Amino acid sequence: HGSVELWAQDNKWGKGIRAKLRAVMFYKDG
């Protein structure tokens, strides 16, 4: 299970759609 924060970048490095990693919970083997 994951948790991310989506945000829109618009600064001196340009524009983009980014995802900030917040948390990861192990769920099951694969």
All heavy atoms as atom14 arrays in JSON, in Angstrom:
{
  "sequence": "HGSVELWAQDNKWGKGIRAKLRAVMFYKDG",
  "atom14_mask": [
    [1, 1, 1, 1, 1, 1, 1, 1, 1, 1, 0, 0, 0, 0],
    [1, 1, 1, 1, 0, 0, 0, 0, 0, 0, 0, 0, 0, 0],
    [1, 1, 1, 1, 1, 1, 0, 0, 0, 0, 0, 0, 0, 0],
    [1, 1, 1, 1, 1, 1, 1, 0, 0, 0, 0, 0, 0, 0],
    [1, 1, 1, 1, 1, 1, 1, 1, 1, 0, 0, 0, 0, 0],
    [1, 1, 1, 1, 1, 1, 1, 1, 0, 0, 0, 0, 0, 0],
    [1, 1, 1, 1, 1, 1, 1, 1, 1, 1, 1, 1, 1, 1],
    [1, 1, 1, 1, 1, 0, 0, 0, 0, 0, 0, 0, 0, 0],
    [1, 1, 1, 1, 1, 1, 1, 1, 1, 0, 0, 0, 0, 0],
    [1, 1, 1, 1, 1, 1, 1, 1, 0, 0, 0, 0, 0, 0],
    [1, 1, 1, 1, 1, 1, 1, 1, 0, 0, 0, 0, 0, 0],
    [1, 1, 1, 1, 1, 1, 1, 1, 1, 0, 0, 0, 0, 0],
    [1, 1, 1, 1, 1, 1, 1, 1, 1, 1, 1, 1, 1, 1],
    [1, 1, 1, 1, 0, 0, 0, 0, 0, 0, 0, 0, 0, 0],
    [1, 1, 1, 1, 1, 1, 1, 1, 1, 0, 0, 0, 0, 0],
    [1, 1, 1, 1, 0, 0, 0, 0, 0, 0, 0, 0, 0, 0],
    [1, 1, 1, 1, 1, 1, 1, 1, 0, 0, 0, 0, 0, 0],
    [1, 1, 1, 1, 1, 1, 1, 1, 1, 1, 1, 0, 0, 0],
    [1, 1, 1, 1, 1, 0, 0, 0, 0, 0, 0, 0, 0, 0],
    [1, 1, 1, 1, 1, 1, 1, 1, 1, 0, 0, 0, 0, 0],
    [1, 1, 1, 1, 1, 1, 1, 1, 0, 0, 0, 0, 0, 0],
    [1, 1, 1, 1, 1, 1, 1, 1, 1, 1, 1, 0, 0, 0],
    [1, 1, 1, 1, 1, 0, 0, 0, 0, 0, 0, 0, 0, 0],
    [1, 1, 1, 1, 1, 1, 1, 0, 0, 0, 0, 0, 0, 0],
    [1, 1, 1, 1, 1, 1, 1, 1, 0, 0, 0, 0, 0, 0],
    [1, 1, 1, 1, 1, 1, 1, 1, 1, 1, 1, 0, 0, 0],
    [1, 1, 1, 1, 1, 1, 1, 1, 1, 1, 1, 1, 0, 0],
    [1, 1, 1, 1, 1, 1, 1, 1, 1, 0, 0, 0, 0, 0],
    [1, 1, 1, 1, 1, 1, 1, 1, 0, 0, 0, 0, 0, 0],
    [1, 1, 1, 1, 0, 0, 0, 0, 0, 0, 0, 0, 0, 0]
  ],
  "atom14_positions": [
    [[0.88, -1.16, 0.0], [0.0, 0.0, 0.0], [0.93, 1.22, 0.0], [1.89, 1.26, 0.77], [-0.88, 0.04, 1.25], [-1.78, -1.15, 1.4], [-2.41, -1.76, 0.34], [-2.14, -1.85, 2.51], [-3.14, -2.77, 0.78], [-2.99, -2.84, 2.09], [0.0, 0.0, 0.0], [0.0, 0.0, 0.0], [0.0, 0.0, 0.0], [0.0, 0.0, 0.0]],
    [[0.65, 2.19, -0.85], [1.49, 3.37, -0.92], [0.72, 4.65, -0.63], [-0.51, 4.69, -0.72], [0.0, 0.0, 0.0], [0.0, 0.0, 0.0], [0.0, 0.0, 0.0], [0.0, 0.0, 0.0], [0.0, 0.0, 0.0], [0.0, 0.0, 0.0], [0.0, 0.0, 0.0], [0.0, 0.0, 0.0], [0.0, 0.0, 0.0], [0.0, 0.0, 0.0]],
    [[1.44, 5.68, -0.26], [0.86, 7.0, -0.07], [1.81, 8.02, -0.69], [2.99, 8.06, -0.34], [0.66, 7.3, 1.42], [0.18, 8.63, 1.6], [0.0, 0.0, 0.0], [0.0, 0.0, 0.0], [0.0, 0.0, 0.0], [0.0, 0.0, 0.0], [0.0, 0.0, 0.0], [0.0, 0.0, 0.0], [0.0, 0.0, 0.0], [0.0, 0.0, 0.0]],
    [[1.29, 8.81, -1.61], [2.11, 9.83, -2.28], [1.37, 11.16, -2.29], [0.13, 11.22, -2.16], [2.46, 9.43, -3.73], [3.17, 8.09, -3.78], [1.21, 9.4, -4.61], [0.0, 0.0, 0.0], [0.0, 0.0, 0.0], [0.0, 0.0, 0.0], [0.0, 0.0, 0.0], [0.0, 0.0, 0.0], [0.0, 0.0, 0.0], [0.0, 0.0, 0.0]],
    [[2.12, 12.22, -2.44], [1.55, 13.56, -2.55], [1.82, 14.09, -3.95], [2.98, 14.29, -4.33], [2.19, 14.48, -1.51], [1.72, 15.91, -1.57], [2.47, 16.8, -0.59], [2.97, 16.28, 0.43], [2.56, 18.01, -0.85], [0.0, 0.0, 0.0], [0.0, 0.0, 0.0], [0.0, 0.0, 0.0], [0.0, 0.0, 0.0], [0.0, 0.0, 0.0]],
    [[0.78, 14.25, -4.72], [0.9, 14.79, -6.08], [0.97, 16.31, -6.01], [0.22, 16.94, -5.25], [-0.3, 14.39, -6.93], [-0.28, 13.05, -7.64], [-1.58, 12.88, -8.41], [0.91, 12.92, -8.57], [0.0, 0.0, 0.0], [0.0, 0.0, 0.0], [0.0, 0.0, 0.0], [0.0, 0.0, 0.0], [0.0, 0.0, 0.0], [0.0, 0.0, 0.0]],
    [[1.85, 16.9, -6.82], [1.92, 18.36, -6.86], [2.38, 18.83, -8.23], [3.05, 18.1, -8.96], [2.82, 18.91, -5.75], [4.26, 18.46, -5.81], [4.75, 17.24, -5.43], [5.38, 19.22, -6.26], [6.11, 17.19, -5.62], [6.54, 18.39, -6.11], [5.54, 20.51, -6.75], [7.81, 18.83, -6.47], [6.82, 20.95, -7.1], [7.93, 20.09, -6.94]],
    [[1.98, 20.04, -8.56], [2.33, 20.64, -9.85], [3.51, 21.58, -9.65], [3.45, 22.5, -8.84], [1.14, 21.39, -10.43], [0.0, 0.0, 0.0], [0.0, 0.0, 0.0], [0.0, 0.0, 0.0], [0.0, 0.0, 0.0], [0.0, 0.0, 0.0], [0.0, 0.0, 0.0], [0.0, 0.0, 0.0], [0.0, 0.0, 0.0], [0.0, 0.0, 0.0]],
    [[4.56, 21.34, -10.41], [5.77, 22.16, -10.33], [5.72, 23.27, -11.38], [5.36, 23.05, -12.53], [7.0, 21.3, -10.58], [8.31, 22.06, -10.71], [9.44, 21.19, -11.22], [9.4, 19.97, -11.13], [10.44, 21.83, -11.79], [0.0, 0.0, 0.0], [0.0, 0.0, 0.0], [0.0, 0.0, 0.0], [0.0, 0.0, 0.0], [0.0, 0.0, 0.0]],
    [[6.09, 24.47, -10.97], [6.22, 25.58, -11.91], [7.18, 26.59, -11.28], [6.78, 27.48, -10.53], [4.86, 26.23, -12.17], [4.89, 27.16, -13.38], [6.01, 27.56, -13.79], [3.82, 27.48, -13.91], [0.0, 0.0, 0.0], [0.0, 0.0, 0.0], [0.0, 0.0, 0.0], [0.0, 0.0, 0.0], [0.0, 0.0, 0.0], [0.0, 0.0, 0.0]],
    [[8.47, 26.43, -11.57], [9.49, 27.27, -10.95], [10.66, 27.44, -11.93], [10.52, 27.16, -13.12], [9.96, 26.66, -9.62], [10.38, 25.2, -9.76], [10.85, 24.76, -10.81], [10.2, 24.43, -8.69], [0.0, 0.0, 0.0], [0.0, 0.0, 0.0], [0.0, 0.0, 0.0], [0.0, 0.0, 0.0], [0.0, 0.0, 0.0], [0.0, 0.0, 0.0]],
    [[11.81, 27.85, -11.42], [12.95, 28.12, -12.3], [13.47, 26.86, -12.99], [14.21, 26.95, -13.97], [14.08, 28.79, -11.51], [14.68, 27.92, -10.41], [15.78, 28.69, -9.68], [16.42, 27.84, -8.59], [17.48, 28.59, -7.87], [0.0, 0.0, 0.0], [0.0, 0.0, 0.0], [0.0, 0.0, 0.0], [0.0, 0.0, 0.0], [0.0, 0.0, 0.0]],
    [[13.08, 25.69, -12.47], [13.49, 24.43, -13.11], [12.46, 23.94, -14.13], [12.63, 22.89, -14.73], [13.72, 23.35, -12.05], [14.92, 23.63, -11.19], [16.24, 23.49, -11.54], [14.91, 24.15, -9.87], [17.06, 23.86, -10.5], [16.27, 24.28, -9.45], [13.91, 24.51, -8.97], [16.62, 24.76, -8.2], [14.27, 24.99, -7.72], [15.61, 25.12, -7.35]],
    [[11.39, 24.7, -14.3], [10.4, 24.35, -15.3], [9.09, 23.83, -14.7], [8.87, 23.89, -13.49], [0.0, 0.0, 0.0], [0.0, 0.0, 0.0], [0.0, 0.0, 0.0], [0.0, 0.0, 0.0], [0.0, 0.0, 0.0], [0.0, 0.0, 0.0], [0.0, 0.0, 0.0], [0.0, 0.0, 0.0], [0.0, 0.0, 0.0], [0.0, 0.0, 0.0]],
    [[8.26, 23.32, -15.58], [6.95, 22.79, -15.18], [7.03, 21.27, -15.1], [7.82, 20.63, -15.78], [5.88, 23.21, -16.18], [5.61, 24.7, -16.22], [4.52, 25.02, -17.25], [4.13, 26.49, -17.22], [5.25, 27.38, -17.6], [0.0, 0.0, 0.0], [0.0, 0.0, 0.0], [0.0, 0.0, 0.0], [0.0, 0.0, 0.0], [0.0, 0.0, 0.0]],
    [[6.14, 20.7, -14.28], [6.09, 19.24, -14.17], [4.98, 18.8, -13.23], [4.41, 19.6, -12.49], [0.0, 0.0, 0.0], [0.0, 0.0, 0.0], [0.0, 0.0, 0.0], [0.0, 0.0, 0.0], [0.0, 0.0, 0.0], [0.0, 0.0, 0.0], [0.0, 0.0, 0.0], [0.0, 0.0, 0.0], [0.0, 0.0, 0.0], [0.0, 0.0, 0.0]],
    [[4.67, 17.53, -13.29], [3.77, 16.89, -12.32], [4.61, 15.9, -11.55], [5.17, 14.96, -12.12], [2.59, 16.18, -13.01], [1.7, 17.19, -13.73], [1.78, 15.4, -11.97], [0.97, 18.16, -12.83], [0.0, 0.0, 0.0], [0.0, 0.0, 0.0], [0.0, 0.0, 0.0], [0.0, 0.0, 0.0], [0.0, 0.0, 0.0], [0.0, 0.0, 0.0]],
    [[4.72, 16.12, -10.24], [5.61, 15.34, -9.39], [4.81, 14.56, -8.34], [3.69, 14.93, -7.99], [6.61, 16.24, -8.67], [7.37, 17.2, -9.57], [8.28, 16.47, -10.52], [9.12, 17.39, -11.28], [9.91, 17.01, -12.27], [9.97, 15.73, -12.63], [10.64, 17.91, -12.92], [0.0, 0.0, 0.0], [0.0, 0.0, 0.0], [0.0, 0.0, 0.0]],
    [[5.43, 13.5, -7.84], [4.85, 12.73, -6.74], [5.88, 12.64, -5.62], [7.01, 12.17, -5.84], [4.43, 11.34, -7.19], [0.0, 0.0, 0.0], [0.0, 0.0, 0.0], [0.0, 0.0, 0.0], [0.0, 0.0, 0.0], [0.0, 0.0, 0.0], [0.0, 0.0, 0.0], [0.0, 0.0, 0.0], [0.0, 0.0, 0.0], [0.0, 0.0, 0.0]],
    [[5.51, 13.08, -4.45], [6.36, 13.01, -3.27], [6.02, 11.74, -2.5], [4.87, 11.52, -2.12], [6.14, 14.24, -2.4], [6.98, 14.27, -1.13], [6.68, 15.55, -0.35], [7.47, 15.62, 0.93], [7.16, 16.86, 1.69], [0.0, 0.0, 0.0], [0.0, 0.0, 0.0], [0.0, 0.0, 0.0], [0.0, 0.0, 0.0], [0.0, 0.0, 0.0]],
    [[7.0, 10.9, -2.26], [6.78, 9.64, -1.56], [6.58, 9.89, -0.07], [7.43, 10.48, 0.59], [7.98, 8.7, -1.78], [7.9, 7.32, -1.12], [6.69, 6.55, -1.64], [9.19, 6.55, -1.39], [0.0, 0.0, 0.0], [0.0, 0.0, 0.0], [0.0, 0.0, 0.0], [0.0, 0.0, 0.0], [0.0, 0.0, 0.0], [0.0, 0.0, 0.0]],
    [[5.45, 9.43, 0.46], [5.14, 9.63, 1.87], [5.31, 8.36, 2.71], [5.95, 8.37, 3.75], [3.7, 10.13, 2.02], [3.47, 11.53, 1.49], [1.98, 11.86, 1.41], [1.25, 11.51, 2.62], [1.18, 12.3, 3.69], [1.78, 13.47, 3.71], [0.48, 11.92, 4.75], [0.0, 0.0, 0.0], [0.0, 0.0, 0.0], [0.0, 0.0, 0.0]],
    [[4.74, 7.26, 2.23], [4.76, 6.03, 3.03], [4.56, 4.8, 2.16], [3.92, 4.86, 1.11], [3.67, 6.08, 4.11], [0.0, 0.0, 0.0], [0.0, 0.0, 0.0], [0.0, 0.0, 0.0], [0.0, 0.0, 0.0], [0.0, 0.0, 0.0], [0.0, 0.0, 0.0], [0.0, 0.0, 0.0], [0.0, 0.0, 0.0], [0.0, 0.0, 0.0]],
    [[5.12, 3.69, 2.63], [4.95, 2.39, 1.97], [4.67, 1.35, 3.05], [5.41, 1.25, 4.03], [6.2, 1.98, 1.17], [6.01, 0.59, 0.56], [6.51, 2.99, 0.09], [0.0, 0.0, 0.0], [0.0, 0.0, 0.0], [0.0, 0.0, 0.0], [0.0, 0.0, 0.0], [0.0, 0.0, 0.0], [0.0, 0.0, 0.0], [0.0, 0.0, 0.0]],
    [[3.61, 0.58, 2.87], [3.28, -0.51, 3.79], [3.35, -1.83, 3.04], [2.67, -2.0, 2.01], [1.88, -0.33, 4.39], [1.43, -1.52, 5.25], [-0.28, -1.37, 5.84], [-0.03, -0.19, 7.18], [0.0, 0.0, 0.0], [0.0, 0.0, 0.0], [0.0, 0.0, 0.0], [0.0, 0.0, 0.0], [0.0, 0.0, 0.0], [0.0, 0.0, 0.0]],
    [[4.17, -2.78, 3.51], [4.23, -4.1, 2.9], [2.85, -4.75, 3.02], [2.24, -4.77, 4.1], [5.28, -4.96, 3.59], [5.33, -6.37, 3.07], [5.99, -6.66, 1.89], [4.72, -7.4, 3.77], [6.03, -7.97, 1.4], [4.75, -8.7, 3.3], [5.41, -8.98, 2.11], [0.0, 0.0, 0.0], [0.0, 0.0, 0.0], [0.0, 0.0, 0.0]],
    [[2.37, -5.32, 1.9], [1.05, -5.95, 1.91], [1.13, -7.47, 1.76], [0.61, -8.2, 2.57], [0.19, -5.35, 0.8], [-1.19, -5.96, 0.7], [-2.04, -5.99, 1.79], [-1.64, -6.51, -0.5], [-3.3, -6.56, 1.71], [-2.9, -7.07, -0.61], [-3.73, -7.1, 0.51], [-4.98, -7.66, 0.42], [0.0, 0.0, 0.0], [0.0, 0.0, 0.0]],
    [[1.82, -7.94, 0.69], [1.96, -9.38, 0.51], [3.11, -9.67, -0.43], [3.56, -8.8, -1.18], [0.66, -9.99, -0.02], [0.27, -9.53, -1.42], [-1.04, -10.18, -1.86], [-1.44, -9.72, -3.26], [-2.71, -10.35, -3.71], [0.0, 0.0, 0.0], [0.0, 0.0, 0.0], [0.0, 0.0, 0.0], [0.0, 0.0, 0.0], [0.0, 0.0, 0.0]],
    [[3.58, -10.9, -0.4], [4.69, -11.31, -1.26], [4.23, -11.41, -2.72], [3.06, -11.61, -3.02], [5.23, -12.67, -0.82], [6.02, -12.58, 0.48], [6.84, -11.66, 0.6], [5.81, -13.42, 1.37], [0.0, 0.0, 0.0], [0.0, 0.0, 0.0], [0.0, 0.0, 0.0], [0.0, 0.0, 0.0], [0.0, 0.0, 0.0], [0.0, 0.0, 0.0]],
    [[5.2, -11.27, -3.61], [4.99, -11.44, -5.03], [6.27, -11.97, -5.64], [7.3, -12.05, -4.96], [0.0, 0.0, 0.0], [0.0, 0.0, 0.0], [0.0, 0.0, 0.0], [0.0, 0.0, 0.0], [0.0, 0.0, 0.0], [0.0, 0.0, 0.0], [0.0, 0.0, 0.0], [0.0, 0.0, 0.0], [0.0, 0.0, 0.0], [0.0, 0.0, 0.0]]
  ]
}
